[in-house]
Amino acid sequence: MTIAHDEARTRLEGLLREALALADCCEWMLVAIHVEEAYQALAREAEAKPPRPAAH
């Protein structure tokens, strides 16, 4: 391999690492969105229920 090939491979490896990091970040962002949606659904459900009487 020539120096140009080595440099290109090094740049490509760096770009691949960045792409994998972004994919991981996006996956966690999707998880966070799903959790937030589930939390909001539970909150709406709780608001729709009548309050429980206090236990004595």
PDB file of N, CA and C in Angstrom:
ATOM      1  N   MET A   1       0.839  -1.182   0.000  1.00  0.00           N
ATOM      2  CA  MET A   1       0.000   0.000   0.000  1.00  0.00           C
ATOM      3  C   MET A   1       0.886   1.248   0.000  1.00  0.00           C
ATOM      4  N   THR A   2       0.378   2.266  -0.626  1.00  0.00           N
ATOM      5  CA  THR A   2       1.112   3.525  -0.661  1.00  0.00           C
ATOM      6  C   THR A   2       0.698   4.382   0.523  1.00  0.00           C
ATOM      7  N   ILE A   3       1.403   5.479   0.709  1.00  0.00           N
ATOM      8  CA  ILE A   3       1.063   6.411   1.781  1.00  0.00           C
ATOM      9  C   ILE A   3      -0.357   6.946   1.578  1.00  0.00           C
ATOM     10  N   ALA A   4      -0.722   7.234   0.334  1.00  0.00           N
ATOM     11  CA  ALA A   4      -2.072   7.733   0.040  1.00  0.00           C
ATOM     12  C   ALA A   4      -3.126   6.709   0.443  1.00  0.00           C
ATOM     13  N   HIS A   5      -2.843   5.424   0.178  1.00  0.00           N
ATOM     14  CA  HIS A   5      -3.788   4.379   0.582  1.00  0.00           C
ATOM     15  C   HIS A   5      -3.909   4.311   2.105  1.00  0.00           C
ATOM     16  N   ASP A   6      -2.778   4.410   2.793  1.00  0.00           N
ATOM     17  CA  ASP A   6      -2.801   4.378   4.256  1.00  0.00           C
ATOM     18  C   ASP A   6      -3.588   5.556   4.822  1.00  0.00           C
ATOM     19  N   GLU A   7      -3.370   6.744   4.241  1.00  0.00           N
ATOM     20  CA  GLU A   7      -4.089   7.928   4.712  1.00  0.00           C
ATOM     21  C   GLU A   7      -5.595   7.792   4.447  1.00  0.00           C
ATOM     22  N   ALA A   8      -5.931   7.284   3.274  1.00  0.00           N
ATOM     23  CA  ALA A   8      -7.346   7.102   2.935  1.00  0.00           C
ATOM     24  C   ALA A   8      -7.981   6.081   3.868  1.00  0.00           C
ATOM     25  N   ARG A   9      -7.270   4.997   4.138  1.00  0.00           N
ATOM     26  CA  ARG A   9      -7.811   3.979   5.036  1.00  0.00           C
ATOM     27  C   ARG A   9      -7.991   4.539   6.442  1.00  0.00           C
ATOM     28  N   THR A  10      -7.025   5.326   6.909  1.00  0.00           N
ATOM     29  CA  THR A  10      -7.115   5.932   8.232  1.00  0.00           C
ATOM     30  C   THR A  10      -8.311   6.874   8.311  1.00  0.00           C
ATOM     31  N   ARG A  11      -8.510   7.684   7.272  1.00  0.00           N
ATOM     32  CA  ARG A  11      -9.658   8.600   7.251  1.00  0.00           C
ATOM     33  C   ARG A  11     -10.963   7.812   7.223  1.00  0.00           C
ATOM     34  N   LEU A  12     -10.999   6.757   6.425  1.00  0.00           N
ATOM     35  CA  LEU A  12     -12.200   5.938   6.329  1.00  0.00           C
ATOM     36  C   LEU A  12     -12.520   5.270   7.661  1.00  0.00           C
ATOM     37  N   GLU A  13     -11.499   4.779   8.339  1.00  0.00           N
ATOM     38  CA  GLU A  13     -11.719   4.174   9.654  1.00  0.00           C
ATOM     39  C   GLU A  13     -12.267   5.197  10.639  1.00  0.00           C
ATOM     40  N   GLY A  14     -11.740   6.424  10.579  1.00  0.00           N
ATOM     41  CA  GLY A  14     -12.229   7.490  11.448  1.00  0.00           C
ATOM     42  C   GLY A  14     -13.684   7.818  11.161  1.00  0.00           C
ATOM     43  N   LEU A  15     -14.025   7.898   9.874  1.00  0.00           N
ATOM     44  CA  LEU A  15     -15.408   8.170   9.499  1.00  0.00           C
ATOM     45  C   LEU A  15     -16.329   7.041   9.938  1.00  0.00           C
ATOM     46  N   LEU A  16     -15.852   5.815   9.834  1.00  0.00           N
ATOM     47  CA  LEU A  16     -16.657   4.670  10.263  1.00  0.00           C
ATOM     48  C   LEU A  16     -16.911   4.727  11.770  1.00  0.00           C
ATOM     49  N   ARG A  17     -15.887   5.068  12.531  1.00  0.00           N
ATOM     50  CA  ARG A  17     -16.063   5.194  13.989  1.00  0.00           C
ATOM     51  C   ARG A  17     -17.083   6.281  14.315  1.00  0.00           C
ATOM     52  N   GLU A  18     -17.001   7.416  13.601  1.00  0.00           N
ATOM     53  CA  GLU A  18     -17.959   8.499  13.826  1.00  0.00           C
ATOM     54  C   GLU A  18     -19.371   8.052  13.470  1.00  0.00           C
ATOM     55  N   ALA A  19     -19.510   7.332  12.362  1.00  0.00           N
ATOM     56  CA  ALA A  19     -20.823   6.859  11.935  1.00  0.00           C
ATOM     57  C   ALA A  19     -21.402   5.891  12.963  1.00  0.00           C
ATOM     58  N   LEU A  20     -20.574   5.005  13.495  1.00  0.00           N
ATOM     59  CA  LEU A  20     -21.047   4.061  14.508  1.00  0.00           C
ATOM     60  C   LEU A  20     -21.449   4.787  15.790  1.00  0.00           C
ATOM     61  N   ALA A  21     -20.693   5.815  16.164  1.00  0.00           N
ATOM     62  CA  ALA A  21     -21.032   6.590  17.358  1.00  0.00           C
ATOM     63  C   ALA A  21     -22.366   7.303  17.159  1.00  0.00           C
ATOM     64  N   LEU A  22     -22.576   7.869  15.972  1.00  0.00           N
ATOM     65  CA  LEU A  22     -23.844   8.540  15.687  1.00  0.00           C
ATOM     66  C   LEU A  22     -25.003   7.547  15.690  1.00  0.00           C
ATOM     67  N   ALA A  23     -24.787   6.369  15.137  1.00  0.00           N
ATOM     68  CA  ALA A  23     -25.842   5.351  15.113  1.00  0.00           C
ATOM     69  C   ALA A  23     -26.213   4.954  16.537  1.00  0.00           C
ATOM     70  N   ASP A  24     -25.211   4.792  17.390  1.00  0.00           N
ATOM     71  CA  ASP A  24     -25.465   4.439  18.779  1.00  0.00           C
ATOM     72  C   ASP A  24     -26.242   5.556  19.467  1.00  0.00           C
ATOM     73  N   CYS A  25     -25.837   6.793  19.213  1.00  0.00           N
ATOM     74  CA  CYS A  25     -26.518   7.953  19.794  1.00  0.00           C
ATOM     75  C   CYS A  25     -27.969   8.004  19.324  1.00  0.00           C
ATOM     76  N   CYS A  26     -28.189   7.765  18.033  1.00  0.00           N
ATOM     77  CA  CYS A  26     -29.550   7.791  17.488  1.00  0.00           C
ATOM     78  C   CYS A  26     -30.404   6.694  18.096  1.00  0.00           C
ATOM     79  N   GLU A  27     -29.794   5.523  18.300  1.00  0.00           N
ATOM     80  CA  GLU A  27     -30.542   4.415  18.899  1.00  0.00           C
ATOM     81  C   GLU A  27     -30.999   4.790  20.305  1.00  0.00           C
ATOM     82  N   TRP A  28     -30.105   5.395  21.089  1.00  0.00           N
ATOM     83  CA  TRP A  28     -30.477   5.798  22.442  1.00  0.00           C
ATOM     84  C   TRP A  28     -31.502   6.914  22.419  1.00  0.00           C
ATOM     85  N   MET A  29     -31.420   7.800  21.404  1.00  0.00           N
ATOM     86  CA  MET A  29     -32.409   8.865  21.281  1.00  0.00           C
ATOM     87  C   MET A  29     -33.786   8.262  21.008  1.00  0.00           C
ATOM     88  N   LEU A  30     -33.840   7.235  20.165  1.00  0.00           N
ATOM     89  CA  LEU A  30     -35.124   6.571  19.895  1.00  0.00           C
ATOM     90  C   LEU A  30     -35.670   5.910  21.156  1.00  0.00           C
ATOM     91  N   VAL A  31     -34.790   5.320  21.957  1.00  0.00           N
ATOM     92  CA  VAL A  31     -35.219   4.715  23.221  1.00  0.00           C
ATOM     93  C   VAL A  31     -35.786   5.800  24.140  1.00  0.00           C
ATOM     94  N   ALA A  32     -35.098   6.936  24.220  1.00  0.00           N
ATOM     95  CA  ALA A  32     -35.559   8.027  25.081  1.00  0.00           C
ATOM     96  C   ALA A  32     -36.928   8.543  24.626  1.00  0.00           C
ATOM     97  N   ILE A  33     -37.123   8.663  23.322  1.00  0.00           N
ATOM     98  CA  ILE A  33     -38.409   9.120  22.791  1.00  0.00           C
ATOM     99  C   ILE A  33     -39.504   8.123  23.153  1.00  0.00           C
ATOM    100  N   HIS A  34     -39.217   6.836  23.016  1.00  0.00           N
ATOM    101  CA  HIS A  34     -40.196   5.797  23.339  1.00  0.00           C
ATOM    102  C   HIS A  34     -40.569   5.850  24.823  1.00  0.00           C
ATOM    103  N   VAL A  35     -39.580   6.012  25.680  1.00  0.00           N
ATOM    104  CA  VAL A  35     -39.835   6.085  27.125  1.00  0.00           C
ATOM    105  C   VAL A  35     -40.675   7.323  27.436  1.00  0.00           C
ATOM    106  N   GLU A  36     -40.338   8.455  26.814  1.00  0.00           N
ATOM    107  CA  GLU A  36     -41.105   9.687  27.055  1.00  0.00           C
ATOM    108  C   GLU A  36     -42.552   9.520  26.614  1.00  0.00           C
ATOM    109  N   GLU A  37     -42.770   8.904  25.475  1.00  0.00           N
ATOM    110  CA  GLU A  37     -44.143   8.672  24.994  1.00  0.00           C
ATOM    111  C   GLU A  37     -44.905   7.763  25.948  1.00  0.00           C
ATOM    112  N   ALA A  38     -44.255   6.727  26.446  1.00  0.00           N
ATOM    113  CA  ALA A  38     -44.905   5.814  27.391  1.00  0.00           C
ATOM    114  C   ALA A  38     -45.234   6.544  28.690  1.00  0.00           C
ATOM    115  N   TYR A  39     -44.320   7.387  29.157  1.00  0.00           N
ATOM    116  CA  TYR A  39     -44.551   8.156  30.378  1.00  0.00           C
ATOM    117  C   TYR A  39     -45.742   9.093  30.197  1.00  0.00           C
ATOM    118  N   GLN A  40     -45.818   9.780  29.065  1.00  0.00           N
ATOM    119  CA  GLN A  40     -46.934  10.689  28.806  1.00  0.00           C
ATOM    120  C   GLN A  40     -48.262   9.928  28.734  1.00  0.00           C
ATOM    121  N   ALA A  41     -48.248   8.744  28.137  1.00  0.00           N
ATOM    122  CA  ALA A  41     -49.462   7.931  28.065  1.00  0.00           C
ATOM    123  C   ALA A  41     -49.913   7.536  29.471  1.00  0.00           C
ATOM    124  N   LEU A  42     -48.986   7.154  30.324  1.00  0.00           N
ATOM    125  CA  LEU A  42     -49.335   6.803  31.713  1.00  0.00           C
ATOM    126  C   LEU A  42     -49.872   8.018  32.465  1.00  0.00           C
ATOM    127  N   ALA A  43     -49.278   9.178  32.220  1.00  0.00           N
ATOM    128  CA  ALA A  43     -49.741  10.395  32.886  1.00  0.00           C
ATOM    129  C   ALA A  43     -51.168  10.733  32.446  1.00  0.00           C
ATOM    130  N   ARG A  44     -51.464  10.603  31.158  1.00  0.00           N
ATOM    131  CA  ARG A  44     -52.827  10.867  30.670  1.00  0.00           C
ATOM    132  C   ARG A  44     -53.813   9.869  31.280  1.00  0.00           C
ATOM    133  N   GLU A  45     -53.381   8.607  31.373  1.00  0.00           N
ATOM    134  CA  GLU A  45     -54.239   7.574  31.963  1.00  0.00           C
ATOM    135  C   GLU A  45     -54.517   7.884  33.437  1.00  0.00           C
ATOM    136  N   ALA A  46     -53.502   8.305  34.149  1.00  0.00           N
ATOM    137  CA  ALA A  46     -53.673   8.626  35.571  1.00  0.00           C
ATOM    138  C   ALA A  46     -54.592   9.830  35.751  1.00  0.00           C
ATOM    139  N   GLU A  47     -54.487  10.816  34.872  1.00  0.00           N
ATOM    140  CA  GLU A  47     -55.339  11.991  34.963  1.00  0.00           C
ATOM    141  C   GLU A  47     -56.807  11.640  34.673  1.00  0.00           C
ATOM    142  N   ALA A  48     -57.028  10.646  33.831  1.00  0.00           N
ATOM    143  CA  ALA A  48     -58.391  10.261  33.443  1.00  0.00           C
ATOM    144  C   ALA A  48     -59.103   9.489  34.546  1.00  0.00           C
ATOM    145  N   LYS A  49     -58.350   8.865  35.441  1.00  0.00           N
ATOM    146  CA  LYS A  49     -58.967   8.080  36.518  1.00  0.00           C
ATOM    147  C   LYS A  49     -59.420   9.010  37.639  1.00  0.00           C
ATOM    148  N   PRO A  50     -60.552   8.671  38.281  1.00  0.00           N
ATOM    149  CA  PRO A  50     -60.965   9.481  39.440  1.00  0.00           C
ATOM    150  C   PRO A  50     -59.985   9.274  40.587  1.00  0.00           C
ATOM    151  N   PRO A  51     -59.833  10.292  41.440  1.00  0.00           N
ATOM    152  CA  PRO A  51     -58.889  10.135  42.565  1.00  0.00           C
ATOM    153  C   PRO A  51     -59.387   9.074  43.545  1.00  0.00           C
ATOM    154  N   ARG A  52     -58.435   8.387  44.148  1.00  0.00           N
ATOM    155  CA  ARG A  52     -58.777   7.367  45.141  1.00  0.00           C
ATOM    156  C   ARG A  52     -59.106   8.029  46.471  1.00  0.00           C
ATOM    157  N   PRO A  53     -60.055   7.442  47.194  1.00  0.00           N
ATOM    158  CA  PRO A  53     -60.327   8.004  48.539  1.00  0.00           C
ATOM    159  C   PRO A  53     -59.137   7.738  49.463  1.00  0.00           C
ATOM    160  N   ALA A  54     -58.915   8.652  50.381  1.00  0.00           N
ATOM    161  CA  ALA A  54     -57.798   8.512  51.314  1.00  0.00           C
ATOM    162  C   ALA A  54     -58.058   7.342  52.274  1.00  0.00           C
ATOM    163  N   ALA A  55     -57.023   6.570  52.534  1.00  0.00           N
ATOM    164  CA  ALA A  55     -57.144   5.450  53.480  1.00  0.00           C
ATOM    165  C   ALA A  55     -56.995   5.980  54.897  1.00  0.00           C
ATOM    166  N   HIS A  56     -57.841   5.471  55.809  1.00  0.00           N
ATOM    167  CA  HIS A  56     -57.778   5.939  57.198  1.00  0.00           C
ATOM    168  C   HIS A  56     -57.164   4.909  58.070  1.00  0.00           C
TER     169      HIS A  56
END
